[in-house]
Amino acid sequence: MQRGYDSAMDEPVTVRRIQPYQAVKTYLCPGCNQEIPPGLGHLVVVPEEHPEDRTHWHHVCWPMRHRRRPGR
């Protein structure tokens, strides 16, 4: 688990790695708008002030989040 500050979200976040055996649902990655299927390891990003707004990201999409176009 990592703690950090995400300038795109403008708030502190906690980033957790989800192992493939822990991934039991399908999620939509906000970085690429593609599905994260069950069995694929990924990241869960939890805003510290709003934990209900957590998002699931592909490992490669999270470091590229600053390149996202507005509205995505």
PDB file of N, CA and C in Angstrom:
ATOM      1  N   MET A   1       0.840  -1.166   0.000  1.00  0.00           N
ATOM      2  CA  MET A   1       0.000   0.000   0.000  1.00  0.00           C
ATOM      3  C   MET A   1       0.891   1.238   0.000  1.00  0.00           C
ATOM      4  N   GLN A   2       0.552   2.174  -0.863  1.00  0.00           N
ATOM      5  CA  GLN A   2       1.298   3.425  -0.955  1.00  0.00           C
ATOM      6  C   GLN A   2       0.361   4.573  -0.630  1.00  0.00           C
ATOM      7  N   ARG A   3       0.906   5.563   0.028  1.00  0.00           N
ATOM      8  CA  ARG A   3       0.160   6.790   0.233  1.00  0.00           C
ATOM      9  C   ARG A   3       0.836   7.852  -0.589  1.00  0.00           C
ATOM     10  N   GLY A   4       0.033   8.745  -1.115  1.00  0.00           N
ATOM     11  CA  GLY A   4       0.610   9.801  -1.931  1.00  0.00           C
ATOM     12  C   GLY A   4      -0.406  10.877  -2.194  1.00  0.00           C
ATOM     13  N   TYR A   5      -0.031  11.784  -3.040  1.00  0.00           N
ATOM     14  CA  TYR A   5      -0.898  12.894  -3.412  1.00  0.00           C
ATOM     15  C   TYR A   5      -1.085  12.841  -4.911  1.00  0.00           C
ATOM     16  N   ASP A   6      -2.330  12.786  -5.337  1.00  0.00           N
ATOM     17  CA  ASP A   6      -2.602  12.744  -6.774  1.00  0.00           C
ATOM     18  C   ASP A   6      -3.044  14.127  -7.217  1.00  0.00           C
ATOM     19  N   SER A   7      -2.200  14.805  -7.969  1.00  0.00           N
ATOM     20  CA  SER A   7      -2.524  16.162  -8.405  1.00  0.00           C
ATOM     21  C   SER A   7      -3.719  16.181  -9.350  1.00  0.00           C
ATOM     22  N   ALA A   8      -3.963  15.090 -10.077  1.00  0.00           N
ATOM     23  CA  ALA A   8      -5.126  15.039 -10.959  1.00  0.00           C
ATOM     24  C   ALA A   8      -6.417  15.025 -10.149  1.00  0.00           C
ATOM     25  N   MET A   9      -6.397  14.348  -9.002  1.00  0.00           N
ATOM     26  CA  MET A   9      -7.574  14.301  -8.140  1.00  0.00           C
ATOM     27  C   MET A   9      -7.546  15.428  -7.118  1.00  0.00           C
ATOM     28  N   ASP A  10      -6.406  16.083  -6.986  1.00  0.00           N
ATOM     29  CA  ASP A  10      -6.211  17.194  -6.069  1.00  0.00           C
ATOM     30  C   ASP A  10      -6.493  16.807  -4.616  1.00  0.00           C
ATOM     31  N   GLU A  11      -6.087  15.606  -4.240  1.00  0.00           N
ATOM     32  CA  GLU A  11      -6.245  15.170  -2.856  1.00  0.00           C
ATOM     33  C   GLU A  11      -5.343  13.978  -2.570  1.00  0.00           C
ATOM     34  N   PRO A  12      -5.085  13.707  -1.280  1.00  0.00           N
ATOM     35  CA  PRO A  12      -4.255  12.555  -0.933  1.00  0.00           C
ATOM     36  C   PRO A  12      -4.985  11.248  -1.239  1.00  0.00           C
ATOM     37  N   VAL A  13      -4.238  10.254  -1.710  1.00  0.00           N
ATOM     38  CA  VAL A  13      -4.815   8.963  -2.062  1.00  0.00           C
ATOM     39  C   VAL A  13      -3.968   7.833  -1.481  1.00  0.00           C
ATOM     40  N   THR A  14      -4.594   6.681  -1.354  1.00  0.00           N
ATOM     41  CA  THR A  14      -3.911   5.444  -1.001  1.00  0.00           C
ATOM     42  C   THR A  14      -4.010   4.525  -2.208  1.00  0.00           C
ATOM     43  N   VAL A  15      -2.888   3.951  -2.624  1.00  0.00           N
ATOM     44  CA  VAL A  15      -2.856   3.060  -3.785  1.00  0.00           C
ATOM     45  C   VAL A  15      -2.526   1.648  -3.290  1.00  0.00           C
ATOM     46  N   ARG A  16      -3.410   0.696  -3.598  1.00  0.00           N
ATOM     47  CA  ARG A  16      -3.197  -0.702  -3.194  1.00  0.00           C
ATOM     48  C   ARG A  16      -3.077  -1.582  -4.426  1.00  0.00           C
ATOM     49  N   ARG A  17      -2.177  -2.542  -4.372  1.00  0.00           N
ATOM     50  CA  ARG A  17      -2.027  -3.534  -5.445  1.00  0.00           C
ATOM     51  C   ARG A  17      -3.010  -4.662  -5.183  1.00  0.00           C
ATOM     52  N   ILE A  18      -3.746  -5.040  -6.200  1.00  0.00           N
ATOM     53  CA  ILE A  18      -4.647  -6.184  -6.136  1.00  0.00           C
ATOM     54  C   ILE A  18      -3.991  -7.312  -6.922  1.00  0.00           C
ATOM     55  N   GLN A  19      -3.762  -8.417  -6.271  1.00  0.00           N
ATOM     56  CA  GLN A  19      -3.150  -9.581  -6.918  1.00  0.00           C
ATOM     57  C   GLN A  19      -4.188 -10.285  -7.791  1.00  0.00           C
ATOM     58  N   PRO A  20      -3.744 -11.012  -8.806  1.00  0.00           N
ATOM     59  CA  PRO A  20      -4.694 -11.690  -9.699  1.00  0.00           C
ATOM     60  C   PRO A  20      -5.705 -12.581  -8.965  1.00  0.00           C
ATOM     61  N   TYR A  21      -5.269 -13.288  -7.935  1.00  0.00           N
ATOM     62  CA  TYR A  21      -6.201 -14.158  -7.219  1.00  0.00           C
ATOM     63  C   TYR A  21      -7.226 -13.365  -6.404  1.00  0.00           C
ATOM     64  N   GLN A  22      -6.961 -12.086  -6.135  1.00  0.00           N
ATOM     65  CA  GLN A  22      -7.888 -11.239  -5.399  1.00  0.00           C
ATOM     66  C   GLN A  22      -8.907 -10.569  -6.318  1.00  0.00           C
ATOM     67  N   ALA A  23      -8.637 -10.520  -7.598  1.00  0.00           N
ATOM     68  CA  ALA A  23      -9.490  -9.817  -8.563  1.00  0.00           C
ATOM     69  C   ALA A  23     -10.621 -10.751  -8.994  1.00  0.00           C
ATOM     70  N   VAL A  24     -11.791 -10.557  -8.409  1.00  0.00           N
ATOM     71  CA  VAL A  24     -12.909 -11.471  -8.680  1.00  0.00           C
ATOM     72  C   VAL A  24     -14.050 -10.815  -9.455  1.00  0.00           C
ATOM     73  N   LYS A  25     -13.953  -9.526  -9.709  1.00  0.00           N
ATOM     74  CA  LYS A  25     -14.994  -8.791 -10.439  1.00  0.00           C
ATOM     75  C   LYS A  25     -14.403  -8.109 -11.664  1.00  0.00           C
ATOM     76  N   THR A  26     -15.278  -7.648 -12.527  1.00  0.00           N
ATOM     77  CA  THR A  26     -14.879  -6.828 -13.670  1.00  0.00           C
ATOM     78  C   THR A  26     -15.024  -5.359 -13.280  1.00  0.00           C
ATOM     79  N   TYR A  27     -14.013  -4.560 -13.582  1.00  0.00           N
ATOM     80  CA  TYR A  27     -14.035  -3.124 -13.307  1.00  0.00           C
ATOM     81  C   TYR A  27     -13.711  -2.373 -14.587  1.00  0.00           C
ATOM     82  N   LEU A  28     -14.021  -1.091 -14.614  1.00  0.00           N
ATOM     83  CA  LEU A  28     -13.703  -0.236 -15.748  1.00  0.00           C
ATOM     84  C   LEU A  28     -12.583   0.701 -15.335  1.00  0.00           C
ATOM     85  N   CYS A  29     -11.487   0.651 -16.048  1.00  0.00           N
ATOM     86  CA  CYS A  29     -10.341   1.511 -15.764  1.00  0.00           C
ATOM     87  C   CYS A  29     -10.646   2.923 -16.268  1.00  0.00           C
ATOM     88  N   PRO A  30     -10.583   3.937 -15.398  1.00  0.00           N
ATOM     89  CA  PRO A  30     -10.841   5.307 -15.847  1.00  0.00           C
ATOM     90  C   PRO A  30      -9.729   5.875 -16.722  1.00  0.00           C
ATOM     91  N   GLY A  31      -8.582   5.240 -16.742  1.00  0.00           N
ATOM     92  CA  GLY A  31      -7.469   5.727 -17.547  1.00  0.00           C
ATOM     93  C   GLY A  31      -7.629   5.434 -19.021  1.00  0.00           C
ATOM     94  N   CYS A  32      -8.216   4.271 -19.342  1.00  0.00           N
ATOM     95  CA  CYS A  32      -8.332   3.876 -20.749  1.00  0.00           C
ATOM     96  C   CYS A  32      -9.763   3.494 -21.146  1.00  0.00           C
ATOM     97  N   ASN A  33     -10.663   3.499 -20.180  1.00  0.00           N
ATOM     98  CA  ASN A  33     -12.064   3.110 -20.410  1.00  0.00           C
ATOM     99  C   ASN A  33     -12.193   1.676 -20.910  1.00  0.00           C
ATOM    100  N   GLN A  34     -11.252   0.818 -20.563  1.00  0.00           N
ATOM    101  CA  GLN A  34     -11.305  -0.597 -20.911  1.00  0.00           C
ATOM    102  C   GLN A  34     -11.569  -1.404 -19.646  1.00  0.00           C
ATOM    103  N   GLU A  35     -12.129  -2.585 -19.827  1.00  0.00           N
ATOM    104  CA  GLU A  35     -12.430  -3.437 -18.687  1.00  0.00           C
ATOM    105  C   GLU A  35     -11.158  -4.030 -18.076  1.00  0.00           C
ATOM    106  N   ILE A  36     -11.225  -4.225 -16.770  1.00  0.00           N
ATOM    107  CA  ILE A  36     -10.231  -4.994 -16.034  1.00  0.00           C
ATOM    108  C   ILE A  36     -10.954  -6.288 -15.674  1.00  0.00           C
ATOM    109  N   PRO A  37     -10.633  -7.392 -16.349  1.00  0.00           N
ATOM    110  CA  PRO A  37     -11.378  -8.635 -16.122  1.00  0.00           C
ATOM    111  C   PRO A  37     -10.969  -9.325 -14.820  1.00  0.00           C
ATOM    112  N   PRO A  38     -11.828 -10.212 -14.327  1.00  0.00           N
ATOM    113  CA  PRO A  38     -11.447 -11.004 -13.153  1.00  0.00           C
ATOM    114  C   PRO A  38     -10.151 -11.765 -13.436  1.00  0.00           C
ATOM    115  N   GLY A  39      -9.312 -11.879 -12.424  1.00  0.00           N
ATOM    116  CA  GLY A  39      -8.055 -12.603 -12.574  1.00  0.00           C
ATOM    117  C   GLY A  39      -6.888 -11.756 -13.039  1.00  0.00           C
ATOM    118  N   LEU A  40      -7.124 -10.466 -13.302  1.00  0.00           N
ATOM    119  CA  LEU A  40      -6.046  -9.581 -13.735  1.00  0.00           C
ATOM    120  C   LEU A  40      -5.646  -8.675 -12.573  1.00  0.00           C
ATOM    121  N   GLY A  41      -4.384  -8.718 -12.183  1.00  0.00           N
ATOM    122  CA  GLY A  41      -3.897  -7.835 -11.132  1.00  0.00           C
ATOM    123  C   GLY A  41      -4.014  -6.381 -11.572  1.00  0.00           C
ATOM    124  N   HIS A  42      -4.307  -5.501 -10.637  1.00  0.00           N
ATOM    125  CA  HIS A  42      -4.479  -4.080 -10.952  1.00  0.00           C
ATOM    126  C   HIS A  42      -4.282  -3.247  -9.686  1.00  0.00           C
ATOM    127  N   LEU A  43      -4.579  -1.971  -9.758  1.00  0.00           N
ATOM    128  CA  LEU A  43      -4.438  -1.062  -8.627  1.00  0.00           C
ATOM    129  C   LEU A  43      -5.803  -0.526  -8.214  1.00  0.00           C
ATOM    130  N   VAL A  44      -5.971  -0.347  -6.917  1.00  0.00           N
ATOM    131  CA  VAL A  44      -7.154   0.333  -6.399  1.00  0.00           C
ATOM    132  C   VAL A  44      -6.666   1.642  -5.798  1.00  0.00           C
ATOM    133  N   VAL A  45      -7.242   2.747  -6.252  1.00  0.00           N
ATOM    134  CA  VAL A  45      -6.868   4.073  -5.777  1.00  0.00           C
ATOM    135  C   VAL A  45      -8.016   4.609  -4.938  1.00  0.00           C
ATOM    136  N   VAL A  46      -7.719   4.898  -3.658  1.00  0.00           N
ATOM    137  CA  VAL A  46      -8.747   5.324  -2.715  1.00  0.00           C
ATOM    138  C   VAL A  46      -8.421   6.732  -2.231  1.00  0.00           C
ATOM    139  N   PRO A  47      -9.264   7.719  -2.585  1.00  0.00           N
ATOM    140  CA  PRO A  47      -9.061   9.067  -2.038  1.00  0.00           C
ATOM    141  C   PRO A  47      -9.260   9.032  -0.523  1.00  0.00           C
ATOM    142  N   GLU A  48      -8.323   9.566   0.226  1.00  0.00           N
ATOM    143  CA  GLU A  48      -8.388   9.486   1.688  1.00  0.00           C
ATOM    144  C   GLU A  48      -9.593  10.228   2.261  1.00  0.00           C
ATOM    145  N   GLU A  49     -10.008  11.310   1.631  1.00  0.00           N
ATOM    146  CA  GLU A  49     -11.132  12.078   2.153  1.00  0.00           C
ATOM    147  C   GLU A  49     -12.479  11.561   1.651  1.00  0.00           C
ATOM    148  N   HIS A  50     -12.479  10.784   0.567  1.00  0.00           N
ATOM    149  CA  HIS A  50     -13.720  10.258  -0.011  1.00  0.00           C
ATOM    150  C   HIS A  50     -13.516   8.802  -0.424  1.00  0.00           C
ATOM    151  N   PRO A  51     -13.390   7.878   0.532  1.00  0.00           N
ATOM    152  CA  PRO A  51     -13.081   6.491   0.185  1.00  0.00           C
ATOM    153  C   PRO A  51     -14.149   5.812  -0.677  1.00  0.00           C
ATOM    154  N   GLU A  52     -15.354   6.335  -0.668  1.00  0.00           N
ATOM    155  CA  GLU A  52     -16.405   5.751  -1.507  1.00  0.00           C
ATOM    156  C   GLU A  52     -16.161   6.015  -2.994  1.00  0.00           C
ATOM    157  N   ASP A  53     -15.252   6.914  -3.326  1.00  0.00           N
ATOM    158  CA  ASP A  53     -14.928   7.247  -4.717  1.00  0.00           C
ATOM    159  C   ASP A  53     -13.716   6.473  -5.236  1.00  0.00           C
ATOM    160  N   ARG A  54     -13.457   5.302  -4.688  1.00  0.00           N
ATOM    161  CA  ARG A  54     -12.285   4.528  -5.128  1.00  0.00           C
ATOM    162  C   ARG A  54     -12.431   4.115  -6.585  1.00  0.00           C
ATOM    163  N   THR A  55     -11.300   3.962  -7.239  1.00  0.00           N
ATOM    164  CA  THR A  55     -11.279   3.562  -8.645  1.00  0.00           C
ATOM    165  C   THR A  55     -10.283   2.422  -8.823  1.00  0.00           C
ATOM    166  N   HIS A  56     -10.484   1.634  -9.865  1.00  0.00           N
ATOM    167  CA  HIS A  56      -9.619   0.499 -10.197  1.00  0.00           C
ATOM    168  C   HIS A  56      -8.901   0.827 -11.503  1.00  0.00           C
ATOM    169  N   TRP A  57      -7.571   0.694 -11.506  1.00  0.00           N
ATOM    170  CA  TRP A  57      -6.738   1.096 -12.630  1.00  0.00           C
ATOM    171  C   TRP A  57      -5.854  -0.055 -13.087  1.00  0.00           C
ATOM    172  N   HIS A  58      -5.595  -0.122 -14.396  1.00  0.00           N
ATOM    173  CA  HIS A  58      -4.543  -1.001 -14.899  1.00  0.00           C
ATOM    174  C   HIS A  58      -3.208  -0.460 -14.380  1.00  0.00           C
ATOM    175  N   HIS A  59      -2.245  -1.349 -14.184  1.00  0.00           N
ATOM    176  CA  HIS A  59      -0.921  -0.922 -13.713  1.00  0.00           C
ATOM    177  C   HIS A  59      -0.294   0.103 -14.654  1.00  0.00           C
ATOM    178  N   VAL A  60      -0.447  -0.073 -15.958  1.00  0.00           N
ATOM    179  CA  VAL A  60       0.185   0.849 -16.911  1.00  0.00           C
ATOM    180  C   VAL A  60      -0.574   2.161 -17.051  1.00  0.00           C
ATOM    181  N   CYS A  61      -1.846   2.179 -16.736  1.00  0.00           N
ATOM    182  CA  CYS A  61      -2.646   3.403 -16.884  1.00  0.00           C
ATOM    183  C   CYS A  61      -2.420   4.387 -15.738  1.00  0.00           C
ATOM    184  N   TRP A  62      -2.191   3.892 -14.537  1.00  0.00           N
ATOM    185  CA  TRP A  62      -2.051   4.783 -13.378  1.00  0.00           C
ATOM    186  C   TRP A  62      -0.903   5.782 -13.547  1.00  0.00           C
ATOM    187  N   PRO A  63       0.301   5.374 -13.943  1.00  0.00           N
ATOM    188  CA  PRO A  63       1.370   6.370 -14.093  1.00  0.00           C
ATOM    189  C   PRO A  63       1.129   7.354 -15.246  1.00  0.00           C
ATOM    190  N   MET A  64       0.231   7.020 -16.159  1.00  0.00           N
ATOM    191  CA  MET A  64      -0.047   7.883 -17.304  1.00  0.00           C
ATOM    192  C   MET A  64      -1.291   8.749 -17.094  1.00  0.00           C
ATOM    193  N   ARG A  65      -1.824   8.776 -15.887  1.00  0.00           N
ATOM    194  CA  ARG A  65      -3.098   9.465 -15.622  1.00  0.00           C
ATOM    195  C   ARG A  65      -3.053  10.954 -15.950  1.00  0.00           C
ATOM    196  N   HIS A  66      -1.901  11.574 -15.862  1.00  0.00           N
ATOM    197  CA  HIS A  66      -1.786  13.002 -16.163  1.00  0.00           C
ATOM    198  C   HIS A  66      -1.975  13.298 -17.651  1.00  0.00           C
ATOM    199  N   ARG A  67      -1.921  12.264 -18.498  1.00  0.00           N
ATOM    200  CA  ARG A  67      -2.104  12.446 -19.947  1.00  0.00           C
ATOM    201  C   ARG A  67      -3.559  12.331 -20.376  1.00  0.00           C
ATOM    202  N   ARG A  68      -4.439  12.007 -19.443  1.00  0.00           N
ATOM    203  CA  ARG A  68      -5.849  11.831 -19.796  1.00  0.00           C
ATOM    204  C   ARG A  68      -6.431  13.147 -20.297  1.00  0.00           C
ATOM    205  N   ARG A  69      -7.293  13.026 -21.284  1.00  0.00           N
ATOM    206  CA  ARG A  69      -7.963  14.210 -21.812  1.00  0.00           C
ATOM    207  C   ARG A  69      -9.044  14.654 -20.828  1.00  0.00           C
ATOM    208  N   PRO A  70      -9.379  15.947 -20.800  1.00  0.00           N
ATOM    209  CA  PRO A  70     -10.474  16.410 -19.925  1.00  0.00           C
ATOM    210  C   PRO A  70     -11.758  15.665 -20.246  1.00  0.00           C
ATOM    211  N   GLY A  71     -12.488  15.340 -19.199  1.00  0.00           N
ATOM    212  CA  GLY A  71     -13.756  14.636 -19.395  1.00  0.00           C
ATOM    213  C   GLY A  71     -13.632  13.135 -19.417  1.00  0.00           C
ATOM    214  N   ARG A  72     -12.403  12.608 -19.301  1.00  0.00           N
ATOM    215  CA  ARG A  72     -12.207  11.147 -19.270  1.00  0.00           C
ATOM    216  C   ARG A  72     -11.807  10.701 -17.916  1.00  0.00           C
TER     217      ARG A  72
END
